[in-house]
């Protein structure tokens, strides 16, 4: 092998090693993201930060996400979001307590973290209303957007639902979802290259 070929090989190895990992280990398993070529970022969609809030967990405080077997495919945005009404139409699925993460496609660590809570007055909206990929690359931050319960699934305070637990009995389930997401970020964002001590909350 001549010097030119050796140099090209070493450059190739260095370039290949500069990319962010697509498969990341979090507290309850492993998740797989995908590179978004236009903005040179890696994205993960639909990572569970808590157990789905449905069935017995409907109108209860967020509970820990269950352990995952294998690798959760988080390469594409989910087709469904939390149940909501828009005009005369009702659409979505129940209790989606997930978040999306985007980071620059490099090996940098301790990046600032920007958490985005979507608008919609706790009635409508979803985590992909603002993707954040361009912002993520330009500012070199880890961007996180959150799905939380909406409408009556997010806020209801009826005597029949009381359990004796102050958090359950508050009826403020959407706010508790947002809090659970921030706590999950503190425990896990370092695995995505983010700095848990440098987190900014944004949104509507």
C-alpha atoms as a PDB file:
ATOM      1  CA  UNK A   1       0.000   0.000   0.000  1.00  0.00           C
ATOM      2  CA  UNK A   2       1.444   3.374  -1.000  1.00  0.00           C
ATOM      3  CA  UNK A   3       1.376   6.514   1.127  1.00  0.00           C
ATOM      4  CA  UNK A   4      -1.522   8.035  -0.791  1.00  0.00           C
ATOM      5  CA  UNK A   5      -3.754   4.979  -0.296  1.00  0.00           C
ATOM      6  CA  UNK A   6      -2.782   4.790   3.371  1.00  0.00           C
ATOM      7  CA  UNK A   7      -3.641   8.469   3.876  1.00  0.00           C
ATOM      8  CA  UNK A   8      -7.039   8.064   2.179  1.00  0.00           C
ATOM      9  CA  UNK A   9      -7.789   5.020   4.326  1.00  0.00           C
ATOM     10  CA  UNK A  10      -6.910   6.884   7.534  1.00  0.00           C
ATOM     11  CA  UNK A  11      -9.036   9.874   6.486  1.00  0.00           C
ATOM     12  CA  UNK A  12     -11.921   7.501   5.787  1.00  0.00           C
ATOM     13  CA  UNK A  13     -11.593   5.850   9.184  1.00  0.00           C
ATOM     14  CA  UNK A  14     -11.504   9.226  10.925  1.00  0.00           C
ATOM     15  CA  UNK A  15     -14.546  10.450   8.975  1.00  0.00           C
ATOM     16  CA  UNK A  16     -16.516   7.269   9.700  1.00  0.00           C
ATOM     17  CA  UNK A  17     -15.723   7.498  13.405  1.00  0.00           C
ATOM     18  CA  UNK A  18     -16.988  11.094  13.624  1.00  0.00           C
ATOM     19  CA  UNK A  19     -20.670  10.182  13.333  1.00  0.00           C
ATOM     20  CA  UNK A  20     -23.091   9.991  16.247  1.00  0.00           C
ATOM     21  CA  UNK A  21     -24.284   6.473  17.178  1.00  0.00           C
ATOM     22  CA  UNK A  22     -27.726   5.529  15.824  1.00  0.00           C
ATOM     23  CA  UNK A  23     -28.425   2.906  18.515  1.00  0.00           C
ATOM     24  CA  UNK A  24     -28.445   4.311  22.048  1.00  0.00           C
ATOM     25  CA  UNK A  25     -28.903   2.544  25.377  1.00  0.00           C
ATOM     26  CA  UNK A  26     -31.354   4.197  27.767  1.00  0.00           C
ATOM     27  CA  UNK A  27     -32.638   3.160  31.193  1.00  0.00           C
ATOM     28  CA  UNK A  28     -35.256   0.738  29.876  1.00  0.00           C
ATOM     29  CA  UNK A  29     -33.576  -0.668  26.755  1.00  0.00           C
ATOM     30  CA  UNK A  30     -32.106   0.361  23.416  1.00  0.00           C
ATOM     31  CA  UNK A  31     -33.507   2.685  20.758  1.00  0.00           C
ATOM     32  CA  UNK A  32     -32.527   3.079  17.111  1.00  0.00           C
ATOM     33  CA  UNK A  33     -32.578   6.401  15.291  1.00  0.00           C
ATOM     34  CA  UNK A  34     -31.730   7.432  11.744  1.00  0.00           C
ATOM     35  CA  UNK A  35     -29.652  10.108  10.054  1.00  0.00           C
ATOM     36  CA  UNK A  36     -31.499  12.991   8.431  1.00  0.00           C
ATOM     37  CA  UNK A  37     -29.268  13.926   5.516  1.00  0.00           C
ATOM     38  CA  UNK A  38     -30.468  17.451   4.730  1.00  0.00           C
ATOM     39  CA  UNK A  39     -29.458  18.858   8.112  1.00  0.00           C
ATOM     40  CA  UNK A  40     -26.822  16.248   9.032  1.00  0.00           C
ATOM     41  CA  UNK A  41     -28.528  15.230  12.272  1.00  0.00           C
ATOM     42  CA  UNK A  42     -29.634  11.968  13.890  1.00  0.00           C
ATOM     43  CA  UNK A  43     -33.279  11.679  14.958  1.00  0.00           C
ATOM     44  CA  UNK A  44     -35.167   9.337  17.290  1.00  0.00           C
ATOM     45  CA  UNK A  45     -38.985   9.423  17.332  1.00  0.00           C
ATOM     46  CA  UNK A  46     -41.433   8.013  19.856  1.00  0.00           C
ATOM     47  CA  UNK A  47     -39.091   7.136  22.726  1.00  0.00           C
ATOM     48  CA  UNK A  48     -41.257   6.224  25.753  1.00  0.00           C
ATOM     49  CA  UNK A  49     -40.497   8.357  28.805  1.00  0.00           C
ATOM     50  CA  UNK A  50     -43.346   6.726  30.755  1.00  0.00           C
ATOM     51  CA  UNK A  51     -45.769   3.831  30.405  1.00  0.00           C
ATOM     52  CA  UNK A  52     -48.720   4.398  28.012  1.00  0.00           C
ATOM     53  CA  UNK A  53     -51.436   6.203  29.989  1.00  0.00           C
ATOM     54  CA  UNK A  54     -54.338   3.956  29.059  1.00  0.00           C
ATOM     55  CA  UNK A  55     -56.455   1.284  30.689  1.00  0.00           C
ATOM     56  CA  UNK A  56     -55.729   1.202  34.428  1.00  0.00           C
ATOM     57  CA  UNK A  57     -53.209   4.024  33.999  1.00  0.00           C
ATOM     58  CA  UNK A  58     -55.756   6.405  32.465  1.00  0.00           C
ATOM     59  CA  UNK A  59     -56.144   9.472  34.722  1.00  0.00           C
ATOM     60  CA  UNK A  60     -53.178   8.407  36.815  1.00  0.00           C
ATOM     61  CA  UNK A  61     -49.782  10.028  37.277  1.00  0.00           C
ATOM     62  CA  UNK A  62     -47.155   8.852  34.751  1.00  0.00           C
ATOM     63  CA  UNK A  63     -45.618   5.499  35.608  1.00  0.00           C
ATOM     64  CA  UNK A  64     -42.132   4.260  34.569  1.00  0.00           C
ATOM     65  CA  UNK A  65     -41.813   3.002  31.012  1.00  0.00           C
ATOM     66  CA  UNK A  66     -41.603  -0.810  30.842  1.00  0.00           C
ATOM     67  CA  UNK A  67     -38.372  -2.561  29.954  1.00  0.00           C
ATOM     68  CA  UNK A  68     -37.970  -3.138  26.224  1.00  0.00           C
ATOM     69  CA  UNK A  69     -36.850  -6.355  24.569  1.00  0.00           C
ATOM     70  CA  UNK A  70     -34.520  -6.004  21.625  1.00  0.00           C
ATOM     71  CA  UNK A  71     -34.107  -2.599  19.956  1.00  0.00           C
ATOM     72  CA  UNK A  72     -37.033  -0.185  19.624  1.00  0.00           C
ATOM     73  CA  UNK A  73     -37.279   1.216  16.090  1.00  0.00           C
ATOM     74  CA  UNK A  74     -37.482   4.999  16.460  1.00  0.00           C
ATOM     75  CA  UNK A  75     -36.470   5.917  12.926  1.00  0.00           C
ATOM     76  CA  UNK A  76     -39.807   7.350  11.738  1.00  0.00           C
ATOM     77  CA  UNK A  77     -42.348   9.748  13.271  1.00  0.00           C
ATOM     78  CA  UNK A  78     -45.463   8.000  14.606  1.00  0.00           C
ATOM     79  CA  UNK A  79     -48.603   8.241  12.493  1.00  0.00           C
ATOM     80  CA  UNK A  80     -50.807   8.814  15.552  1.00  0.00           C
ATOM     81  CA  UNK A  81     -50.639  11.444  18.279  1.00  0.00           C
ATOM     82  CA  UNK A  82     -52.567  11.909  21.507  1.00  0.00           C
ATOM     83  CA  UNK A  83     -56.362  12.044  21.182  1.00  0.00           C
ATOM     84  CA  UNK A  84     -57.588  15.511  20.270  1.00  0.00           C
ATOM     85  CA  UNK A  85     -60.469  17.305  18.581  1.00  0.00           C
ATOM     86  CA  UNK A  86     -59.972  19.575  15.618  1.00  0.00           C
ATOM     87  CA  UNK A  87     -63.172  21.155  14.391  1.00  0.00           C
ATOM     88  CA  UNK A  88     -65.722  18.356  14.056  1.00  0.00           C
ATOM     89  CA  UNK A  89     -63.077  15.630  13.863  1.00  0.00           C
ATOM     90  CA  UNK A  90     -61.604  13.541  16.666  1.00  0.00           C
ATOM     91  CA  UNK A  91     -58.381  11.688  15.964  1.00  0.00           C
ATOM     92  CA  UNK A  92     -55.357  10.188  17.655  1.00  0.00           C
ATOM     93  CA  UNK A  93     -54.582   7.440  20.107  1.00  0.00           C
ATOM     94  CA  UNK A  94     -54.664   7.329  23.884  1.00  0.00           C
ATOM     95  CA  UNK A  95     -51.887   7.933  26.372  1.00  0.00           C
ATOM     96  CA  UNK A  96     -48.851   8.450  24.121  1.00  0.00           C
ATOM     97  CA  UNK A  97     -46.151   9.471  26.604  1.00  0.00           C
ATOM     98  CA  UNK A  98     -43.190   9.666  24.249  1.00  0.00           C
ATOM     99  CA  UNK A  99     -40.571  12.144  23.149  1.00  0.00           C
ATOM    100  CA  UNK A 100     -38.435  12.828  20.094  1.00  0.00           C
ATOM    101  CA  UNK A 101     -34.721  13.571  20.197  1.00  0.00           C
ATOM    102  CA  UNK A 102     -32.504  15.159  17.551  1.00  0.00           C
ATOM    103  CA  UNK A 103     -28.753  15.752  17.768  1.00  0.00           C
ATOM    104  CA  UNK A 104     -25.981  16.819  15.352  1.00  0.00           C
ATOM    105  CA  UNK A 105     -24.366  13.897  13.553  1.00  0.00           C
ATOM    106  CA  UNK A 106     -21.030  14.137  15.315  1.00  0.00           C
ATOM    107  CA  UNK A 107     -19.308  12.742  18.399  1.00  0.00           C
ATOM    108  CA  UNK A 108     -19.604  15.866  20.555  1.00  0.00           C
ATOM    109  CA  UNK A 109     -20.741  15.384  24.149  1.00  0.00           C
ATOM    110  CA  UNK A 110     -22.137  17.659  26.840  1.00  0.00           C
ATOM    111  CA  UNK A 111     -24.173  19.558  24.257  1.00  0.00           C
ATOM    112  CA  UNK A 112     -26.788  22.046  25.526  1.00  0.00           C
ATOM    113  CA  UNK A 113     -30.302  20.590  25.615  1.00  0.00           C
ATOM    114  CA  UNK A 114     -33.391  22.410  24.317  1.00  0.00           C
ATOM    115  CA  UNK A 115     -36.741  20.906  25.381  1.00  0.00           C
ATOM    116  CA  UNK A 116     -39.802  21.955  23.386  1.00  0.00           C
ATOM    117  CA  UNK A 117     -43.391  21.627  24.653  1.00  0.00           C
ATOM    118  CA  UNK A 118     -45.804  22.071  21.759  1.00  0.00           C
ATOM    119  CA  UNK A 119     -48.596  24.642  21.772  1.00  0.00           C
ATOM    120  CA  UNK A 120     -52.323  24.147  21.431  1.00  0.00           C
ATOM    121  CA  UNK A 121     -53.557  25.176  24.900  1.00  0.00           C
ATOM    122  CA  UNK A 122     -53.407  21.545  26.085  1.00  0.00           C
ATOM    123  CA  UNK A 123     -56.187  20.807  23.594  1.00  0.00           C
ATOM    124  CA  UNK A 124     -54.407  20.053  20.313  1.00  0.00           C
ATOM    125  CA  UNK A 125     -50.883  19.647  18.949  1.00  0.00           C
ATOM    126  CA  UNK A 126     -48.074  17.130  18.870  1.00  0.00           C
ATOM    127  CA  UNK A 127     -44.318  16.739  19.216  1.00  0.00           C
ATOM    128  CA  UNK A 128     -43.562  17.062  15.487  1.00  0.00           C
ATOM    129  CA  UNK A 129     -45.241  20.419  14.943  1.00  0.00           C
ATOM    130  CA  UNK A 130     -41.737  21.933  14.974  1.00  0.00           C
ATOM    131  CA  UNK A 131     -39.060  19.417  14.029  1.00  0.00           C
ATOM    132  CA  UNK A 132     -36.056  21.359  15.313  1.00  0.00           C
ATOM    133  CA  UNK A 133     -33.539  19.640  13.011  1.00  0.00           C
ATOM    134  CA  UNK A 134     -32.258  22.838  11.365  1.00  0.00           C
ATOM    135  CA  UNK A 135     -32.016  24.547  14.761  1.00  0.00           C
ATOM    136  CA  UNK A 136     -30.282  21.481  16.211  1.00  0.00           C
ATOM    137  CA  UNK A 137     -27.520  21.570  13.583  1.00  0.00           C
ATOM    138  CA  UNK A 138     -27.033  25.344  13.475  1.00  0.00           C
ATOM    139  CA  UNK A 139     -26.819  25.780  17.240  1.00  0.00           C
ATOM    140  CA  UNK A 140     -25.166  22.407  18.016  1.00  0.00           C
ATOM    141  CA  UNK A 141     -27.712  21.383  20.620  1.00  0.00           C
ATOM    142  CA  UNK A 142     -29.692  18.269  21.509  1.00  0.00           C
ATOM    143  CA  UNK A 143     -33.347  19.015  20.763  1.00  0.00           C
ATOM    144  CA  UNK A 144     -36.166  17.196  22.581  1.00  0.00           C
ATOM    145  CA  UNK A 145     -39.904  17.526  21.877  1.00  0.00           C
ATOM    146  CA  UNK A 146     -42.566  15.955  24.071  1.00  0.00           C
ATOM    147  CA  UNK A 147     -45.937  14.243  23.629  1.00  0.00           C
ATOM    148  CA  UNK A 148     -48.283  14.666  26.597  1.00  0.00           C
ATOM    149  CA  UNK A 149     -51.952  14.058  27.345  1.00  0.00           C
ATOM    150  CA  UNK A 150     -54.514  16.538  26.031  1.00  0.00           C
ATOM    151  CA  UNK A 151     -58.075  17.670  26.736  1.00  0.00           C
ATOM    152  CA  UNK A 152     -60.020  15.521  29.231  1.00  0.00           C
ATOM    153  CA  UNK A 153     -57.219  12.950  29.266  1.00  0.00           C
ATOM    154  CA  UNK A 154     -54.849  15.650  30.468  1.00  0.00           C
ATOM    155  CA  UNK A 155     -57.055  17.439  32.991  1.00  0.00           C
ATOM    156  CA  UNK A 156     -59.918  15.930  34.948  1.00  0.00           C
ATOM    157  CA  UNK A 157     -60.681  16.107  38.660  1.00  0.00           C
ATOM    158  CA  UNK A 158     -63.645  13.954  39.655  1.00  0.00           C
ATOM    159  CA  UNK A 159     -64.370  12.407  43.069  1.00  0.00           C
ATOM    160  CA  UNK A 160     -64.763   8.972  41.474  1.00  0.00           C
ATOM    161  CA  UNK A 161     -61.129   9.058  40.336  1.00  0.00           C
ATOM    162  CA  UNK A 162     -59.587   9.827  43.723  1.00  0.00           C
ATOM    163  CA  UNK A 163     -56.981   7.317  44.913  1.00  0.00           C
ATOM    164  CA  UNK A 164     -55.519   9.096  47.920  1.00  0.00           C
ATOM    165  CA  UNK A 165     -52.313   9.837  46.020  1.00  0.00           C
ATOM    166  CA  UNK A 166     -51.878  13.645  45.893  1.00  0.00           C
ATOM    167  CA  UNK A 167     -50.482  13.561  42.362  1.00  0.00           C
ATOM    168  CA  UNK A 168     -53.276  11.338  41.023  1.00  0.00           C
ATOM    169  CA  UNK A 169     -55.890  13.387  42.848  1.00  0.00           C
ATOM    170  CA  UNK A 170     -54.602  16.687  41.435  1.00  0.00           C
ATOM    171  CA  UNK A 171     -56.148  15.900  38.046  1.00  0.00           C
ATOM    172  CA  UNK A 172     -53.264  17.731  36.344  1.00  0.00           C
ATOM    173  CA  UNK A 173     -52.087  14.778  34.268  1.00  0.00           C
ATOM    174  CA  UNK A 174     -50.718  16.785  31.328  1.00  0.00           C
ATOM    175  CA  UNK A 175     -48.520  18.836  33.687  1.00  0.00           C
ATOM    176  CA  UNK A 176     -47.364  15.652  35.418  1.00  0.00           C
ATOM    177  CA  UNK A 177     -46.490  14.215  31.980  1.00  0.00           C
ATOM    178  CA  UNK A 178     -44.306  17.237  31.225  1.00  0.00           C
ATOM    179  CA  UNK A 179     -42.598  16.873  34.604  1.00  0.00           C
ATOM    180  CA  UNK A 180     -41.996  13.147  34.005  1.00  0.00           C
ATOM    181  CA  UNK A 181     -40.452  13.956  30.617  1.00  0.00           C
ATOM    182  CA  UNK A 182     -38.052  16.460  32.207  1.00  0.00           C
ATOM    183  CA  UNK A 183     -37.081  13.925  34.860  1.00  0.00           C
ATOM    184  CA  UNK A 184     -36.467  11.294  32.136  1.00  0.00           C
ATOM    185  CA  UNK A 185     -34.279  13.782  30.289  1.00  0.00           C
ATOM    186  CA  UNK A 186     -32.198  14.326  33.428  1.00  0.00           C
ATOM    187  CA  UNK A 187     -31.600  10.580  33.719  1.00  0.00           C
ATOM    188  CA  UNK A 188     -31.036   9.725  30.039  1.00  0.00           C
ATOM    189  CA  UNK A 189     -30.026  12.665  27.868  1.00  0.00           C
ATOM    190  CA  UNK A 190     -26.301  12.113  28.447  1.00  0.00           C
ATOM    191  CA  UNK A 191     -26.589   8.928  26.356  1.00  0.00           C
ATOM    192  CA  UNK A 192     -27.548  11.176  23.400  1.00  0.00           C
ATOM    193  CA  UNK A 193     -24.653  13.568  23.977  1.00  0.00           C
ATOM    194  CA  UNK A 194     -26.643  16.100  25.991  1.00  0.00           C
ATOM    195  CA  UNK A 195     -25.672  17.854  29.204  1.00  0.00           C
ATOM    196  CA  UNK A 196     -28.272  17.225  31.967  1.00  0.00           C
ATOM    197  CA  UNK A 197     -26.966  20.318  33.748  1.00  0.00           C
ATOM    198  CA  UNK A 198     -27.650  22.593  30.768  1.00  0.00           C
ATOM    199  CA  UNK A 199     -31.344  22.139  29.893  1.00  0.00           C
ATOM    200  CA  UNK A 200     -33.569  24.932  28.591  1.00  0.00           C
ATOM    201  CA  UNK A 201     -37.363  24.596  28.474  1.00  0.00           C
ATOM    202  CA  UNK A 202     -39.129  26.267  25.560  1.00  0.00           C
ATOM    203  CA  UNK A 203     -42.427  26.139  23.680  1.00  0.00           C
ATOM    204  CA  UNK A 204     -45.916  27.529  24.185  1.00  0.00           C
END
